[in-house]
């Protein structure tokens, strides 16, 4: 039962926990008990996730081919198992940002984004995840309802606006509007607005060049 000892390394039935907390709680408690138990008993956890560290988890994460919470007979996806493993490992921010900014592995990016949403502060979440709404790559999603497609930008938007994603209740954070009102965040610049402004500047330059040629 070594996999159970590994899985429960940060859990104490007596309620004693002296490690790092996120949102005031033991990080493993961010995943509901029933889902934790299903993760502990899953074949993927026992055979693939047991004993991983931040470096070897990267190898597993780059093998992911879909995201999601539970599927079929309430089985946890590999994505969910690796999220739980990250909560156990608690990698440094530098490592998580390496995961997030890797240009080649979109599921690694999704994994890091989910971890950030679970564990970082509201301001850091918005500042770190909002730039990813320009990532339009497709993501496969597996859930109790079967398979579907989404996109990285849509997944990021769900993390920023939904209360539950991939069968995990996300920690409550202040909305962007509340943070702006408190002067903790600058107003968000729309990507569409930037594109329109850029296009307008380009057209203005073309017009200027055309007028110069007429003189």
Protein backbone atom coordinates (compact mmCIF):
# COMPACT_ATOMS: atom_id res chain seq x y z
CA UNK A 1 0.00 0.00 0.00
CA UNK A 2 2.97 2.27 -0.58
CA UNK A 3 0.97 4.35 -3.04
CA UNK A 4 -1.45 5.29 -0.26
CA UNK A 5 1.36 6.36 2.05
CA UNK A 6 2.74 8.49 -0.76
CA UNK A 7 -0.65 9.96 -1.58
CA UNK A 8 -1.50 10.85 2.00
CA UNK A 9 1.89 12.26 2.91
CA UNK A 10 0.41 15.69 3.61
CA UNK A 11 -2.83 14.50 5.21
CA UNK A 12 -3.26 13.98 8.93
CA UNK A 13 -6.51 12.63 10.32
CA UNK A 14 -5.90 14.50 13.57
CA UNK A 15 -5.99 17.77 11.69
CA UNK A 16 -2.32 18.56 12.34
CA UNK A 17 -0.59 20.19 9.42
CA UNK A 18 2.42 22.48 9.60
CA UNK A 19 3.36 22.76 5.93
CA UNK A 20 2.60 25.46 3.40
CA UNK A 21 -1.06 26.37 3.06
CA UNK A 22 -2.99 27.78 0.12
CA UNK A 23 -6.09 29.85 0.79
CA UNK A 24 -5.60 28.94 4.46
CA UNK A 25 -5.80 25.16 4.06
CA UNK A 26 -3.67 22.08 3.46
CA UNK A 27 -3.30 22.03 -0.35
CA UNK A 28 -4.53 18.46 -0.68
CA UNK A 29 -7.82 19.49 0.90
CA UNK A 30 -8.48 21.66 -2.14
CA UNK A 31 -9.60 18.39 -3.72
CA UNK A 32 -12.74 16.94 -2.18
CA UNK A 33 -12.35 13.76 -0.13
CA UNK A 34 -14.35 11.50 -2.43
CA UNK A 35 -12.25 12.56 -5.43
CA UNK A 36 -9.03 12.15 -3.43
CA UNK A 37 -10.00 8.59 -2.61
CA UNK A 38 -10.76 7.84 -6.26
CA UNK A 39 -7.37 9.25 -7.23
CA UNK A 40 -5.60 7.09 -4.61
CA UNK A 41 -7.28 3.99 -5.99
CA UNK A 42 -6.85 4.76 -9.69
CA UNK A 43 -4.53 2.65 -11.80
CA UNK A 44 -2.89 5.75 -13.26
CA UNK A 45 -1.96 7.03 -9.81
CA UNK A 46 -0.54 3.68 -8.72
CA UNK A 47 1.41 2.99 -11.89
CA UNK A 48 2.29 6.42 -13.31
CA UNK A 49 2.03 9.14 -10.67
CA UNK A 50 3.41 7.36 -7.60
CA UNK A 51 6.82 8.65 -6.60
CA UNK A 52 6.98 11.49 -9.12
CA UNK A 53 8.98 14.63 -8.39
CA UNK A 54 8.84 18.00 -10.16
CA UNK A 55 11.23 16.81 -12.89
CA UNK A 56 9.68 13.40 -13.57
CA UNK A 57 6.17 14.85 -13.38
CA UNK A 58 7.14 16.98 -16.36
CA UNK A 59 7.69 13.80 -18.37
CA UNK A 60 4.21 12.54 -17.47
CA UNK A 61 2.60 15.91 -18.17
CA UNK A 62 4.05 16.13 -21.67
CA UNK A 63 2.40 12.76 -22.40
CA UNK A 64 -1.10 14.10 -21.67
CA UNK A 65 -3.52 14.03 -24.59
CA UNK A 66 -6.62 15.49 -22.92
CA UNK A 67 -7.85 17.40 -19.88
CA UNK A 68 -10.82 16.72 -17.62
CA UNK A 69 -11.96 15.66 -14.18
CA UNK A 70 -13.77 12.34 -13.93
CA UNK A 71 -15.01 10.09 -16.72
CA UNK A 72 -16.79 6.80 -17.32
CA UNK A 73 -17.52 5.21 -13.93
CA UNK A 74 -16.24 8.30 -12.03
CA UNK A 75 -12.63 7.50 -12.82
CA UNK A 76 -10.17 10.38 -12.40
CA UNK A 77 -8.36 11.43 -15.55
CA UNK A 78 -4.55 11.47 -15.70
CA UNK A 79 -4.88 15.27 -15.82
CA UNK A 80 -6.68 15.28 -12.47
CA UNK A 81 -4.17 12.86 -10.95
CA UNK A 82 -1.28 15.10 -11.96
CA UNK A 83 -3.03 18.17 -10.56
CA UNK A 84 -3.27 16.34 -7.25
CA UNK A 85 0.38 15.35 -7.49
CA UNK A 86 1.34 18.99 -8.02
CA UNK A 87 -0.61 19.91 -4.88
CA UNK A 88 1.44 17.32 -3.03
CA UNK A 89 4.79 18.39 -4.48
CA UNK A 90 4.17 22.15 -4.29
CA UNK A 91 6.80 23.09 -6.91
CA UNK A 92 8.36 26.53 -6.84
CA UNK A 93 6.75 29.33 -8.81
CA UNK A 94 9.70 29.29 -11.17
CA UNK A 95 9.03 25.65 -12.08
CA UNK A 96 5.30 26.27 -12.57
CA UNK A 97 6.05 29.21 -14.86
CA UNK A 98 8.39 27.01 -16.90
CA UNK A 99 5.50 24.57 -17.31
CA UNK A 100 3.09 27.38 -18.18
CA UNK A 101 5.31 29.06 -20.74
CA UNK A 102 6.44 25.96 -22.59
CA UNK A 103 5.39 26.67 -26.20
CA UNK A 104 5.24 23.07 -27.35
CA UNK A 105 3.01 21.26 -24.87
CA UNK A 106 -0.48 22.74 -24.57
CA UNK A 107 -1.65 20.20 -21.99
CA UNK A 108 1.34 21.04 -19.80
CA UNK A 109 0.24 24.68 -20.04
CA UNK A 110 -3.32 23.71 -19.05
CA UNK A 111 -1.99 21.72 -16.09
CA UNK A 112 0.10 24.63 -14.83
CA UNK A 113 -2.77 27.09 -15.33
CA UNK A 114 -5.09 24.91 -13.27
CA UNK A 115 -2.53 24.63 -10.47
CA UNK A 116 -2.05 28.39 -10.48
CA UNK A 117 -5.80 28.93 -10.20
CA UNK A 118 -5.94 26.57 -7.22
CA UNK A 119 -3.00 27.94 -5.26
CA UNK A 120 -1.96 31.49 -6.18
CA UNK A 121 -3.40 34.80 -5.04
CA UNK A 122 -6.17 36.48 -7.02
CA UNK A 123 -3.92 39.24 -8.36
CA UNK A 124 -1.24 36.77 -9.44
CA UNK A 125 -3.87 34.54 -11.05
CA UNK A 126 -5.26 37.31 -13.25
CA UNK A 127 -1.87 38.74 -14.13
CA UNK A 128 -0.43 35.32 -15.04
CA UNK A 129 -3.37 33.65 -16.77
CA UNK A 130 -5.03 36.50 -18.67
CA UNK A 131 -2.23 36.76 -21.27
CA UNK A 132 -3.05 33.16 -22.26
CA UNK A 133 -6.43 34.11 -23.70
CA UNK A 134 -4.56 34.66 -26.94
CA UNK A 135 -3.78 30.93 -27.16
CA UNK A 136 -6.36 29.41 -29.52
CA UNK A 137 -5.04 25.85 -29.69
CA UNK A 138 -7.54 23.02 -29.38
CA UNK A 139 -7.83 20.89 -26.25
CA UNK A 140 -9.59 17.55 -25.96
CA UNK A 141 -11.78 17.19 -22.86
CA UNK A 142 -12.91 13.90 -21.33
CA UNK A 143 -15.75 13.94 -18.81
CA UNK A 144 -18.70 11.91 -17.57
CA UNK A 145 -20.54 13.02 -20.70
CA UNK A 146 -17.87 11.70 -23.05
CA UNK A 147 -15.50 13.63 -25.28
CA UNK A 148 -15.64 17.22 -26.47
CA UNK A 149 -13.35 19.90 -27.80
CA UNK A 150 -12.41 23.22 -26.26
CA UNK A 151 -9.58 25.72 -26.70
CA UNK A 152 -6.83 26.94 -24.41
CA UNK A 153 -8.35 30.44 -24.26
CA UNK A 154 -11.78 29.03 -23.34
CA UNK A 155 -10.22 26.84 -20.65
CA UNK A 156 -8.42 29.86 -19.19
CA UNK A 157 -11.67 31.83 -19.22
CA UNK A 158 -13.39 29.02 -17.31
CA UNK A 159 -10.64 29.06 -14.69
CA UNK A 160 -11.13 32.82 -14.25
CA UNK A 161 -14.94 32.87 -14.23
CA UNK A 162 -16.35 29.48 -13.20
CA UNK A 163 -16.80 28.08 -9.69
CA UNK A 164 -16.09 24.48 -10.72
CA UNK A 165 -13.75 23.17 -13.41
CA UNK A 166 -12.74 19.56 -14.10
CA UNK A 167 -14.94 18.45 -11.18
CA UNK A 168 -12.92 20.56 -8.72
CA UNK A 169 -14.51 23.39 -6.73
CA UNK A 170 -12.18 26.32 -7.28
CA UNK A 171 -11.16 28.48 -4.31
CA UNK A 172 -13.16 31.69 -4.11
CA UNK A 173 -11.24 34.73 -5.31
CA UNK A 174 -12.18 38.36 -5.83
CA UNK A 175 -13.46 39.25 -9.27
CA UNK A 176 -11.37 41.35 -11.60
CA UNK A 177 -13.80 44.26 -11.13
CA UNK A 178 -13.36 44.13 -7.37
CA UNK A 179 -9.57 44.11 -7.71
CA UNK A 180 -9.69 47.04 -10.13
CA UNK A 181 -11.89 49.01 -7.73
CA UNK A 182 -9.36 48.33 -4.97
CA UNK A 183 -6.52 49.50 -7.25
CA UNK A 184 -4.91 46.07 -7.06
CA UNK A 185 -5.19 45.48 -10.81
CA UNK A 186 -4.92 47.80 -13.77
CA UNK A 187 -7.93 47.75 -16.13
CA UNK A 188 -7.59 44.93 -18.59
CA UNK A 189 -6.68 45.83 -22.16
CA UNK A 190 -8.76 43.88 -24.67
CA UNK A 191 -6.81 41.82 -27.18
CA UNK A 192 -9.41 42.77 -29.78
CA UNK A 193 -8.94 46.42 -28.92
CA UNK A 194 -5.18 46.09 -29.36
CA UNK A 195 -5.65 44.40 -32.73
CA UNK A 196 -8.05 47.15 -33.90
CA UNK A 197 -5.65 49.85 -32.72
CA UNK A 198 -2.74 48.14 -34.46
CA UNK A 199 -4.76 47.77 -37.65
CA UNK A 200 -5.77 51.44 -37.45
CA UNK A 201 -2.15 52.53 -37.11
CA UNK A 202 -1.20 50.34 -40.07
CA UNK A 203 -3.96 51.84 -42.23
CA UNK A 204 -2.92 55.34 -41.20
CA UNK A 205 0.67 54.64 -42.27
CA UNK A 206 -0.58 53.30 -45.62
CA UNK A 207 -2.73 56.39 -46.14
CA UNK A 208 0.17 58.63 -45.27
CA UNK A 209 2.39 56.85 -47.74
CA UNK A 210 -0.27 57.07 -50.43
CA UNK A 211 -0.76 60.79 -49.89
CA UNK A 212 2.99 61.38 -50.06
CA UNK A 213 3.06 59.63 -53.41
CA UNK A 214 0.32 61.94 -54.74
CA UNK A 215 2.28 65.10 -54.01
